């Protein structure tokens, strides 16, 4: 069986693919960010989840500056090969707002409800 090749994934016009980060132990959805083929390769090589920062136009190793590291447990590819799921062990908050998850706002009865406060 041949090895995995990140170039076989389906990237958008900017060469990026969405990656959802999920806590491996609990199933909690933590965040979504973008990866390039090189970011996928670096993630698999190092075991540290590496994204592509569109705003900085640079690689972003999660936790490199904050200490809120994502250690890769398993990388999964969806059926269309155009989205990734990273099962991770998250140290500290995943969100840049210092919350455990980026998905901390619910829409309930037409209103936005904040589900968690910063840590």
N, C-alpha and C. Protein backbone atom coordinates (compact mmCIF):
# COMPACT_ATOMS: atom_id res chain seq x y z
N UNK A 1 0.84 -1.19 0.00
CA UNK A 1 0.00 0.00 0.00
C UNK A 1 0.89 1.25 0.00
N UNK A 2 0.64 2.18 -0.93
CA UNK A 2 1.48 3.39 -1.00
C UNK A 2 1.23 4.31 0.20
N UNK A 3 2.23 5.13 0.50
CA UNK A 3 2.11 6.07 1.61
C UNK A 3 1.18 7.22 1.27
N UNK A 4 0.80 7.97 2.30
CA UNK A 4 -0.08 9.13 2.11
C UNK A 4 0.70 10.27 1.48
N UNK A 5 0.09 10.92 0.50
CA UNK A 5 0.68 12.06 -0.19
C UNK A 5 -0.26 13.25 -0.05
N UNK A 6 0.15 14.31 0.69
CA UNK A 6 -0.72 15.48 0.88
C UNK A 6 -1.18 16.12 -0.43
N UNK A 7 -0.43 15.94 -1.51
CA UNK A 7 -0.83 16.57 -2.78
C UNK A 7 -2.07 15.91 -3.39
N UNK A 8 -2.47 14.76 -2.85
CA UNK A 8 -3.67 14.08 -3.37
C UNK A 8 -4.96 14.64 -2.79
N UNK A 9 -4.85 15.57 -1.83
CA UNK A 9 -6.03 16.20 -1.26
C UNK A 9 -6.56 17.27 -2.21
N UNK A 10 -7.81 17.66 -2.01
CA UNK A 10 -8.43 18.68 -2.86
C UNK A 10 -8.39 20.03 -2.14
N UNK A 11 -7.55 20.91 -2.65
CA UNK A 11 -7.36 22.24 -2.07
C UNK A 11 -8.20 23.26 -2.82
N UNK A 12 -8.48 24.40 -2.17
CA UNK A 12 -9.22 25.47 -2.85
C UNK A 12 -8.30 26.23 -3.80
N UNK A 13 -8.81 27.29 -4.40
CA UNK A 13 -8.05 28.06 -5.38
C UNK A 13 -6.79 28.68 -4.79
N UNK A 14 -6.77 28.86 -3.46
CA UNK A 14 -5.61 29.43 -2.77
C UNK A 14 -4.65 28.34 -2.28
N UNK A 15 -4.93 27.08 -2.62
CA UNK A 15 -4.06 26.00 -2.20
C UNK A 15 -4.26 25.60 -0.75
N UNK A 16 -5.46 25.85 -0.22
CA UNK A 16 -5.73 25.58 1.20
C UNK A 16 -6.88 24.59 1.36
N UNK A 17 -6.86 23.90 2.48
CA UNK A 17 -7.90 22.94 2.84
C UNK A 17 -8.30 23.22 4.29
N UNK A 18 -9.62 23.21 4.60
CA UNK A 18 -10.02 23.42 6.00
C UNK A 18 -9.68 22.21 6.85
N UNK A 19 -9.29 22.49 8.09
CA UNK A 19 -8.98 21.43 9.05
C UNK A 19 -9.69 21.74 10.36
N UNK A 20 -10.51 20.81 10.79
CA UNK A 20 -11.21 20.94 12.06
C UNK A 20 -10.38 20.22 13.12
N UNK A 21 -10.14 20.90 14.23
CA UNK A 21 -9.41 20.29 15.35
C UNK A 21 -10.41 19.84 16.40
N UNK A 22 -10.29 18.59 16.81
CA UNK A 22 -11.19 17.99 17.78
C UNK A 22 -10.37 17.33 18.88
N UNK A 23 -10.76 17.56 20.13
CA UNK A 23 -10.08 16.92 21.26
C UNK A 23 -10.28 15.42 21.17
N UNK A 24 -9.19 14.68 21.08
CA UNK A 24 -9.26 13.23 20.88
C UNK A 24 -9.96 12.51 22.03
N UNK A 25 -9.71 12.96 23.25
CA UNK A 25 -10.24 12.26 24.42
C UNK A 25 -11.74 12.46 24.62
N UNK A 26 -12.26 13.64 24.25
CA UNK A 26 -13.66 13.96 24.57
C UNK A 26 -14.55 14.15 23.35
N UNK A 27 -13.96 14.36 22.17
CA UNK A 27 -14.76 14.64 20.99
C UNK A 27 -15.15 16.10 20.85
N UNK A 28 -14.72 16.94 21.79
CA UNK A 28 -15.07 18.36 21.74
C UNK A 28 -14.44 19.01 20.50
N UNK A 29 -15.26 19.74 19.73
CA UNK A 29 -14.75 20.47 18.57
C UNK A 29 -14.10 21.76 19.08
N UNK A 30 -12.84 21.94 18.72
CA UNK A 30 -12.07 23.06 19.26
C UNK A 30 -11.98 24.26 18.32
N UNK A 31 -11.69 24.01 17.06
CA UNK A 31 -11.46 25.13 16.14
C UNK A 31 -11.42 24.63 14.70
N UNK A 32 -11.38 25.58 13.77
CA UNK A 32 -11.17 25.30 12.36
C UNK A 32 -10.11 26.28 11.88
N UNK A 33 -9.18 25.77 11.10
CA UNK A 33 -8.16 26.62 10.50
C UNK A 33 -7.78 26.00 9.16
N UNK A 34 -6.92 26.67 8.43
CA UNK A 34 -6.55 26.26 7.08
C UNK A 34 -5.18 25.62 7.06
N UNK A 35 -5.02 24.67 6.16
CA UNK A 35 -3.72 24.03 5.95
C UNK A 35 -3.39 24.06 4.46
N UNK A 36 -2.12 24.20 4.17
CA UNK A 36 -1.59 23.99 2.82
C UNK A 36 -1.04 22.56 2.79
N UNK A 37 -0.64 22.10 1.62
CA UNK A 37 -0.04 20.77 1.52
C UNK A 37 1.21 20.68 2.39
N UNK A 38 1.99 21.75 2.43
CA UNK A 38 3.21 21.75 3.25
C UNK A 38 2.86 21.73 4.73
N UNK A 39 1.79 22.42 5.14
CA UNK A 39 1.37 22.40 6.54
C UNK A 39 0.92 20.99 6.94
N UNK A 40 0.22 20.30 6.03
CA UNK A 40 -0.19 18.92 6.30
C UNK A 40 1.06 18.06 6.50
N UNK A 41 2.01 18.20 5.59
CA UNK A 41 3.25 17.41 5.67
C UNK A 41 4.00 17.69 6.97
N UNK A 42 4.12 18.97 7.33
CA UNK A 42 4.82 19.33 8.58
C UNK A 42 4.12 18.76 9.80
N UNK A 43 2.78 18.80 9.79
CA UNK A 43 2.00 18.26 10.90
C UNK A 43 2.29 16.77 11.07
N UNK A 44 2.29 16.04 9.97
CA UNK A 44 2.53 14.61 10.02
C UNK A 44 3.97 14.28 10.41
N UNK A 45 4.90 15.12 9.99
CA UNK A 45 6.32 14.88 10.30
C UNK A 45 6.65 15.17 11.76
N UNK A 46 6.06 16.23 12.31
CA UNK A 46 6.43 16.70 13.65
C UNK A 46 5.49 16.24 14.76
N UNK A 47 4.23 15.93 14.41
CA UNK A 47 3.25 15.61 15.43
C UNK A 47 2.68 16.84 16.12
N UNK A 48 3.13 18.00 15.72
CA UNK A 48 2.60 19.29 16.20
C UNK A 48 1.75 19.88 15.08
N UNK A 49 0.48 20.19 15.37
CA UNK A 49 -0.42 20.66 14.32
C UNK A 49 0.05 22.01 13.80
N UNK A 50 0.23 22.06 12.49
CA UNK A 50 0.73 23.25 11.81
C UNK A 50 -0.31 23.71 10.80
N UNK A 51 -0.71 24.96 10.90
CA UNK A 51 -1.69 25.54 9.99
C UNK A 51 -1.02 26.56 9.09
N UNK A 52 -1.79 27.09 8.14
CA UNK A 52 -1.35 28.20 7.31
C UNK A 52 -2.14 29.41 7.74
N UNK A 53 -1.47 30.42 8.24
CA UNK A 53 -2.13 31.65 8.66
C UNK A 53 -2.34 32.54 7.43
N UNK A 54 -3.61 32.73 7.07
CA UNK A 54 -3.91 33.58 5.91
C UNK A 54 -3.56 35.03 6.19
N UNK A 55 -3.80 35.50 7.42
CA UNK A 55 -3.53 36.90 7.75
C UNK A 55 -2.03 37.21 7.77
N UNK A 56 -1.22 36.24 8.22
CA UNK A 56 0.22 36.46 8.28
C UNK A 56 0.95 35.89 7.07
N UNK A 57 0.23 35.11 6.25
CA UNK A 57 0.83 34.43 5.09
C UNK A 57 2.09 33.67 5.52
N UNK A 58 1.91 32.86 6.58
CA UNK A 58 3.05 32.12 7.14
C UNK A 58 2.53 30.86 7.84
N UNK A 59 3.42 29.89 8.03
CA UNK A 59 3.06 28.71 8.79
C UNK A 59 2.84 29.10 10.24
N UNK A 60 1.93 28.40 10.87
CA UNK A 60 1.54 28.69 12.25
C UNK A 60 1.48 27.36 12.99
N UNK A 61 2.49 27.10 13.80
CA UNK A 61 2.50 25.90 14.63
C UNK A 61 1.68 26.23 15.86
N UNK A 62 0.54 25.56 16.00
CA UNK A 62 -0.38 25.87 17.10
C UNK A 62 0.35 25.75 18.43
N UNK A 63 0.31 26.84 19.21
CA UNK A 63 0.94 26.87 20.52
C UNK A 63 2.36 27.37 20.53
N UNK A 64 2.91 27.68 19.35
CA UNK A 64 4.31 28.11 19.26
C UNK A 64 4.57 29.36 20.11
N UNK A 65 3.64 30.32 20.08
CA UNK A 65 3.84 31.52 20.89
C UNK A 65 3.00 31.50 22.17
N UNK A 66 1.82 30.87 22.14
CA UNK A 66 0.92 30.88 23.31
C UNK A 66 1.20 29.77 24.30
N UNK A 67 1.83 28.69 23.83
CA UNK A 67 2.01 27.51 24.68
C UNK A 67 0.80 26.59 24.66
N UNK A 68 -0.25 26.97 23.92
CA UNK A 68 -1.48 26.18 23.83
C UNK A 68 -1.35 25.19 22.67
N UNK A 69 -0.55 24.18 22.89
CA UNK A 69 -0.11 23.24 21.87
C UNK A 69 -1.21 22.26 21.48
N UNK A 70 -1.23 21.90 20.20
CA UNK A 70 -2.06 20.80 19.72
C UNK A 70 -1.13 19.67 19.28
N UNK A 71 -1.16 18.58 20.03
CA UNK A 71 -0.37 17.39 19.69
C UNK A 71 -1.27 16.48 18.85
N UNK A 72 -0.81 16.13 17.67
CA UNK A 72 -1.60 15.30 16.77
C UNK A 72 -1.71 13.87 17.28
N UNK A 73 -2.93 13.38 17.36
CA UNK A 73 -3.18 11.98 17.68
C UNK A 73 -3.43 11.22 16.38
N UNK A 74 -4.28 11.81 15.51
CA UNK A 74 -4.59 11.19 14.23
C UNK A 74 -5.12 12.25 13.28
N UNK A 75 -4.76 12.14 12.00
CA UNK A 75 -5.30 13.02 10.98
C UNK A 75 -6.23 12.21 10.10
N UNK A 76 -7.44 12.73 9.91
CA UNK A 76 -8.44 12.03 9.09
C UNK A 76 -8.81 12.89 7.88
N UNK A 77 -9.11 12.20 6.78
CA UNK A 77 -9.49 12.83 5.52
C UNK A 77 -10.95 12.52 5.26
N UNK A 78 -11.76 13.54 4.88
CA UNK A 78 -13.17 13.26 4.61
C UNK A 78 -13.35 12.58 3.25
N UNK A 79 -14.57 12.15 2.98
CA UNK A 79 -14.88 11.34 1.80
C UNK A 79 -14.59 12.06 0.48
N UNK A 80 -14.71 13.38 0.45
CA UNK A 80 -14.42 14.15 -0.76
C UNK A 80 -12.98 14.60 -0.86
N UNK A 81 -12.20 14.31 0.18
CA UNK A 81 -10.79 14.69 0.26
C UNK A 81 -10.58 16.21 0.23
N UNK A 82 -11.62 16.96 0.69
CA UNK A 82 -11.50 18.42 0.68
C UNK A 82 -11.65 19.04 2.07
N UNK A 83 -11.54 18.21 3.10
CA UNK A 83 -11.60 18.70 4.48
C UNK A 83 -10.87 17.69 5.36
N UNK A 84 -10.20 18.20 6.38
CA UNK A 84 -9.44 17.35 7.30
C UNK A 84 -10.00 17.45 8.71
N UNK A 85 -9.82 16.39 9.47
CA UNK A 85 -10.15 16.36 10.88
C UNK A 85 -8.88 15.96 11.63
N UNK A 86 -8.42 16.85 12.49
CA UNK A 86 -7.24 16.56 13.30
C UNK A 86 -7.71 16.21 14.70
N UNK A 87 -7.49 14.96 15.10
CA UNK A 87 -7.76 14.56 16.47
C UNK A 87 -6.50 14.92 17.26
N UNK A 88 -6.68 15.74 18.30
CA UNK A 88 -5.53 16.31 19.00
C UNK A 88 -5.64 16.16 20.50
N UNK A 89 -4.50 16.34 21.16
CA UNK A 89 -4.45 16.57 22.60
C UNK A 89 -4.14 18.06 22.75
N UNK A 90 -5.11 18.80 23.23
CA UNK A 90 -5.00 20.25 23.35
C UNK A 90 -4.50 20.63 24.73
N UNK A 91 -3.44 21.44 24.78
CA UNK A 91 -2.95 22.02 26.03
C UNK A 91 -3.50 23.43 26.13
N UNK A 92 -4.29 23.71 27.15
CA UNK A 92 -4.85 25.05 27.34
C UNK A 92 -5.94 25.35 26.33
N UNK A 93 -6.33 26.63 26.24
CA UNK A 93 -7.38 27.03 25.32
C UNK A 93 -6.95 26.86 23.85
N UNK A 94 -7.91 26.54 23.00
CA UNK A 94 -7.63 26.42 21.56
C UNK A 94 -7.86 27.76 20.85
N UNK A 95 -8.76 28.57 21.39
CA UNK A 95 -9.15 29.82 20.73
C UNK A 95 -8.23 30.97 21.11
N UNK A 96 -8.00 31.87 20.16
CA UNK A 96 -7.17 33.05 20.43
C UNK A 96 -7.82 33.99 21.43
N UNK A 97 -9.13 33.79 21.73
CA UNK A 97 -9.82 34.60 22.75
C UNK A 97 -9.61 34.01 24.14
N UNK A 98 -8.77 32.98 24.24
CA UNK A 98 -8.44 32.30 25.49
C UNK A 98 -9.59 31.44 26.01
N UNK A 99 -10.44 30.99 25.08
CA UNK A 99 -11.51 30.05 25.43
C UNK A 99 -11.08 28.66 24.97
N UNK A 100 -11.63 27.65 25.58
CA UNK A 100 -11.30 26.27 25.24
C UNK A 100 -11.58 25.98 23.77
N UNK A 101 -12.70 26.48 23.24
CA UNK A 101 -13.12 26.24 21.87
C UNK A 101 -13.45 27.56 21.19
N UNK A 102 -13.23 27.62 19.89
CA UNK A 102 -13.64 28.80 19.12
C UNK A 102 -15.16 28.86 18.97
N UNK A 103 -15.82 27.73 19.17
CA UNK A 103 -17.27 27.64 19.00
C UNK A 103 -17.96 27.88 20.33
N UNK A 104 -17.80 29.10 20.85
CA UNK A 104 -18.34 29.42 22.17
C UNK A 104 -19.61 30.26 22.11
N UNK A 105 -20.14 30.48 20.91
CA UNK A 105 -21.36 31.25 20.76
C UNK A 105 -22.44 30.38 20.11
N UNK A 106 -23.59 30.28 20.74
CA UNK A 106 -24.73 29.55 20.20
C UNK A 106 -25.78 30.55 19.74
N UNK A 107 -26.56 30.17 18.75
CA UNK A 107 -27.72 30.95 18.33
C UNK A 107 -28.95 30.23 18.85
N UNK A 108 -29.61 30.84 19.79
CA UNK A 108 -30.79 30.24 20.43
C UNK A 108 -31.94 31.23 20.38
N UNK A 109 -33.05 30.79 19.81
CA UNK A 109 -34.24 31.64 19.68
C UNK A 109 -33.89 32.99 19.06
N UNK A 110 -33.03 32.96 18.05
CA UNK A 110 -32.68 34.18 17.33
C UNK A 110 -31.69 35.08 18.04
N UNK A 111 -31.15 34.62 19.16
CA UNK A 111 -30.20 35.42 19.93
C UNK A 111 -28.87 34.70 20.03
N UNK A 112 -27.79 35.47 20.10
CA UNK A 112 -26.47 34.89 20.34
C UNK A 112 -26.25 34.74 21.84
N UNK A 113 -25.84 33.54 22.23
CA UNK A 113 -25.61 33.24 23.63
C UNK A 113 -24.17 32.76 23.80
N UNK A 114 -23.43 33.43 24.68
CA UNK A 114 -22.05 33.03 24.95
C UNK A 114 -22.05 31.84 25.89
N UNK A 115 -21.42 30.75 25.46
CA UNK A 115 -21.44 29.51 26.22
C UNK A 115 -20.29 29.35 27.20
N UNK A 116 -19.19 30.04 26.95
CA UNK A 116 -18.05 29.92 27.86
C UNK A 116 -17.29 31.24 27.92
N UNK A 117 -16.68 31.48 29.05
CA UNK A 117 -15.87 32.68 29.26
C UNK A 117 -14.40 32.34 29.00
N UNK A 118 -13.58 33.37 28.81
CA UNK A 118 -12.14 33.11 28.67
C UNK A 118 -11.61 32.44 29.93
N UNK A 119 -10.59 31.59 29.74
CA UNK A 119 -9.97 30.89 30.87
C UNK A 119 -9.05 31.81 31.63
